[in-house]
Each structure stands twice: as structure tokens, then as C-alpha cells.
């Protein structure tokens, strides 16, 4: 599957958006306020975004939970239905653009769209390409018991199990190693 620069950026954006949600009632929200949303927009170089407001923040938080449902979808048909709803609600208007030093690429959001519609259109289309390619199973959640972060498995053999092998994966491997040593010492 060919993953262009703009699709990769949209995938990184949607993963970070989904993972900004608090994992429980005690955890902080990664999009706690409009300032946090502004940082998110700048971090991901989301273009054509005007002044952000509490209305934008609420809309992006609602969108975040809808994208989370795509990562939790049990099959491609369910994921496709969720993605279709996201894209349709955003009122997509595909257009070619070459801005900010990037070569020609497609924006799917309408000119003047809200940041939520922008994210729904561009990120929704990036996820749609995975479903079309038969790769929906690459949209995953971390298998570490204390982590449920979303990620896109871009490994060649579709074998990635953890959102980050240096943290979640390493932690579980070390725990398994210690358990085996303890049992062997027994």
C-alpha cells in the first residue's frame, strides 16, 4: 500500500487525536482547553485553520470519540460505515493544493471548513484508504493491559502489537522475563 506524505500526516494526526482522550476519570484530557487544541493544530501543521473557540474544542472532542470507534471496529464493514458517516458529515470538497513547501496533494475539506470538519475529511479519507486496501486490521489498539492507545501498524508483516515498543512492549517483555526467572529460581 502506497502511503503518501499527506496520508501519513493524517494518520499521525488521527492517532494523536484519539490518544488525547483521557483513559479514565483520573487522567487528564489532552485537549483540555482551546490552548491545547491550538497546540495540537500547530504540532500537526493543520492548514487553513482560523481562530479557534470553545465550539471548535467541543466539536473536535466529539470527533475524537467517533474516530476512536473506527479503531475499535470489529471488521471492515463496521469501520467503513463509521468512516462514511464522518466524511459525509464533513461535507468533503476534494481539491489539489501545493502550499507551505509541499508538492501537490489533495485536501478533502471544503475551503473555510471548521477544524473538526477539516480533521473528519482528511483523517477520514486516510483511514478510508486502509479499508479500501483491505488493511483495516492495521488500525489497532495497544495490547498492553494498562494501555489502550491507538496506532497504525505499518510493519511489513502486520505484527506490531504495542503503541510503542520502547515503552509498552519493552515493559511487558521485561515483566515476562522476570516472571520466567522467578519461576526458574523457584
Protein backbone atom coordinates (compact mmCIF):
# COMPACT_ATOMS: atom_id res chain seq x y z
CA UNK A 1 0.00 0.00 0.00
CA UNK A 2 1.39 3.38 -1.00
CA UNK A 3 1.28 5.83 1.87
CA UNK A 4 1.90 9.34 0.62
CA UNK A 5 3.15 12.18 2.81
CA UNK A 6 -0.30 13.68 3.32
CA UNK A 7 -1.85 10.32 4.22
CA UNK A 8 0.95 9.69 6.71
CA UNK A 9 0.42 13.13 8.26
CA UNK A 10 -3.32 12.48 8.52
CA UNK A 11 -2.69 9.08 10.13
CA UNK A 12 -0.33 10.61 12.68
CA UNK A 13 -2.91 13.31 13.38
CA UNK A 14 -5.83 10.92 13.88
CA UNK A 15 -3.77 8.63 16.13
CA UNK A 16 -2.68 11.59 18.28
CA UNK A 17 -6.26 12.87 18.35
CA UNK A 18 -7.66 9.53 19.53
CA UNK A 19 -4.86 9.15 22.08
CA UNK A 20 -5.53 12.63 23.50
CA UNK A 21 -8.68 11.30 25.18
CA UNK A 22 -8.35 10.56 28.89
CA UNK A 23 -8.06 6.82 29.51
CA UNK A 24 -10.02 7.05 32.77
CA UNK A 25 -11.70 9.61 35.00
CA UNK A 26 -8.43 10.44 36.76
CA UNK A 27 -6.38 11.02 33.61
CA UNK A 28 -6.06 14.49 32.09
CA UNK A 29 -7.64 15.31 28.75
CA UNK A 30 -5.04 16.03 26.09
CA UNK A 31 -7.44 18.60 24.66
CA UNK A 32 -8.31 20.25 27.96
CA UNK A 33 -8.93 23.71 26.50
CA UNK A 34 -8.71 25.86 23.38
CA UNK A 35 -5.00 26.48 24.01
CA UNK A 36 -4.36 22.70 23.92
CA UNK A 37 -6.34 22.45 20.69
CA UNK A 38 -4.23 25.29 19.24
CA UNK A 39 -1.06 23.41 20.17
CA UNK A 40 -2.46 20.26 18.56
CA UNK A 41 -3.23 22.19 15.36
CA UNK A 42 0.29 23.69 15.27
CA UNK A 43 2.00 20.38 16.10
CA UNK A 44 0.30 18.70 13.17
CA UNK A 45 0.66 21.64 10.75
CA UNK A 46 -3.08 21.65 10.11
CA UNK A 47 -3.52 24.29 7.45
CA UNK A 48 -6.33 26.76 6.81
CA UNK A 49 -7.49 26.92 10.44
CA UNK A 50 -8.79 30.24 11.67
CA UNK A 51 -9.27 31.41 15.24
CA UNK A 52 -10.28 28.51 17.46
CA UNK A 53 -13.08 28.65 20.02
CA UNK A 54 -14.85 26.54 22.62
CA UNK A 55 -17.25 25.46 19.86
CA UNK A 56 -14.28 24.05 17.91
CA UNK A 57 -12.98 22.31 21.01
CA UNK A 58 -16.33 20.62 21.65
CA UNK A 59 -16.65 19.56 18.02
CA UNK A 60 -13.13 18.09 17.93
CA UNK A 61 -13.74 16.18 21.17
CA UNK A 62 -16.92 14.67 19.69
CA UNK A 63 -15.00 13.82 16.54
CA UNK A 64 -12.27 12.20 18.62
CA UNK A 65 -14.70 9.66 20.08
CA UNK A 66 -16.05 8.90 16.60
CA UNK A 67 -12.52 8.20 15.34
CA UNK A 68 -11.89 6.02 18.40
CA UNK A 69 -14.85 3.90 17.30
CA UNK A 70 -13.13 3.30 13.93
CA UNK A 71 -10.06 1.89 15.73
CA UNK A 72 -12.35 -0.34 17.80
CA UNK A 73 -14.39 -1.54 14.82
CA UNK A 74 -14.53 -5.35 14.71
CA UNK A 75 -14.50 -5.57 10.90
CA UNK A 76 -14.05 -3.59 7.71
CA UNK A 77 -17.80 -3.17 7.11
CA UNK A 78 -18.28 -1.53 10.50
CA UNK A 79 -15.20 0.67 10.02
CA UNK A 80 -16.40 1.66 6.54
CA UNK A 81 -19.80 2.68 7.87
CA UNK A 82 -18.23 4.82 10.59
CA UNK A 83 -15.79 6.43 8.16
CA UNK A 84 -18.56 7.11 5.63
CA UNK A 85 -20.57 8.93 8.32
CA UNK A 86 -17.54 11.04 9.30
CA UNK A 87 -16.71 12.01 5.74
CA UNK A 88 -20.32 12.74 4.75
CA UNK A 89 -20.88 14.96 7.80
CA UNK A 90 -17.73 16.93 6.97
CA UNK A 91 -19.02 17.93 3.53
CA UNK A 92 -15.88 16.99 1.65
CA UNK A 93 -14.68 19.02 -1.30
CA UNK A 94 -11.55 17.35 -2.74
CA UNK A 95 -9.08 19.78 -4.28
CA UNK A 96 -5.43 19.79 -5.29
CA UNK A 97 -3.11 22.17 -3.46
CA UNK A 98 0.62 22.86 -3.10
CA UNK A 99 1.15 25.01 -0.05
CA UNK A 100 3.83 25.61 2.57
CA UNK A 101 6.59 24.00 0.52
CA UNK A 102 4.71 20.70 -0.04
CA UNK A 103 4.26 19.37 -3.54
CA UNK A 104 0.80 18.71 -4.99
CA UNK A 105 -1.52 16.82 -2.70
CA UNK A 106 -5.25 16.51 -2.07
CA UNK A 107 -7.19 18.31 0.63
CA UNK A 108 -10.60 16.79 1.22
CA UNK A 109 -12.07 19.52 3.41
CA UNK A 110 -14.06 22.41 1.98
CA UNK A 111 -12.46 25.87 1.95
CA UNK A 112 -13.36 27.66 5.18
CA UNK A 113 -14.26 24.39 6.94
CA UNK A 114 -14.13 24.18 10.71
CA UNK A 115 -11.16 22.39 12.23
CA UNK A 116 -13.43 19.44 13.12
CA UNK A 117 -14.69 19.14 9.53
CA UNK A 118 -11.11 19.51 8.28
CA UNK A 119 -9.97 16.64 10.52
CA UNK A 120 -13.02 14.50 9.71
CA UNK A 121 -12.45 14.87 5.97
CA UNK A 122 -8.67 14.48 5.74
CA UNK A 123 -8.23 11.90 8.51
CA UNK A 124 -11.38 10.06 7.47
CA UNK A 125 -10.07 9.72 3.93
CA UNK A 126 -6.70 8.46 5.17
CA UNK A 127 -8.49 5.75 7.17
CA UNK A 128 -10.74 5.04 4.19
CA UNK A 129 -7.70 4.18 2.06
CA UNK A 130 -6.79 1.47 4.59
CA UNK A 131 -10.25 -0.08 4.38
CA UNK A 132 -10.21 0.08 0.55
CA UNK A 133 -6.80 -1.63 0.51
CA UNK A 134 -8.10 -4.42 2.76
CA UNK A 135 -5.81 -3.25 5.56
CA UNK A 136 -8.39 -2.24 8.21
CA UNK A 137 -6.78 -4.64 10.70
CA UNK A 138 -3.75 -2.32 10.75
CA UNK A 139 -5.85 0.22 12.70
CA UNK A 140 -5.20 -1.13 16.17
CA UNK A 141 -5.19 -0.58 19.90
CA UNK A 142 -2.15 -1.34 22.06
CA UNK A 143 -2.26 -4.84 23.55
CA UNK A 144 -0.55 -3.82 26.80
CA UNK A 145 -3.10 -4.40 29.59
CA UNK A 146 -2.67 -0.91 31.05
CA UNK A 147 -2.65 0.92 27.71
CA UNK A 148 -5.28 1.20 25.03
CA UNK A 149 -3.63 3.78 22.77
CA UNK A 150 -4.48 3.67 19.10
CA UNK A 151 -1.83 3.17 16.45
CA UNK A 152 -1.49 2.24 12.79
CA UNK A 153 0.56 -0.91 12.25
CA UNK A 154 2.82 -0.08 9.32
CA UNK A 155 5.09 -3.09 9.87
CA UNK A 156 5.69 -5.25 6.83
CA UNK A 157 4.16 -8.38 8.32
CA UNK A 158 1.35 -6.68 10.30
CA UNK A 159 2.82 -7.94 13.57
CA UNK A 160 3.03 -4.80 15.69
CA UNK A 161 1.19 -5.28 18.99
CA UNK A 162 2.10 -2.22 21.05
CA UNK A 163 1.73 1.51 20.51
CA UNK A 164 5.41 1.93 21.35
CA UNK A 165 7.86 -0.95 21.58
CA UNK A 166 10.20 1.12 23.78
CA UNK A 167 7.58 1.64 26.46
CA UNK A 168 4.63 -0.76 26.40
CA UNK A 169 6.37 -3.56 24.52
CA UNK A 170 9.60 -3.36 26.49
CA UNK A 171 7.75 -3.16 29.82
CA UNK A 172 5.80 -6.35 29.07
CA UNK A 173 8.85 -8.20 27.77
CA UNK A 174 10.82 -7.29 30.90
CA UNK A 175 7.91 -8.40 33.13
CA UNK A 176 7.68 -11.73 31.27
CA UNK A 177 11.45 -12.22 31.58
CA UNK A 178 11.36 -11.54 35.32
CA UNK A 179 8.43 -13.91 35.77
CA UNK A 180 10.33 -16.68 33.92
CA UNK A 181 13.46 -16.07 36.06
CA UNK A 182 11.42 -16.12 39.25
CA UNK A 183 9.71 -19.36 38.23
CA UNK A 184 13.04 -20.95 37.26
CA UNK A 185 14.59 -19.94 40.61
CA UNK A 186 11.51 -21.19 42.24
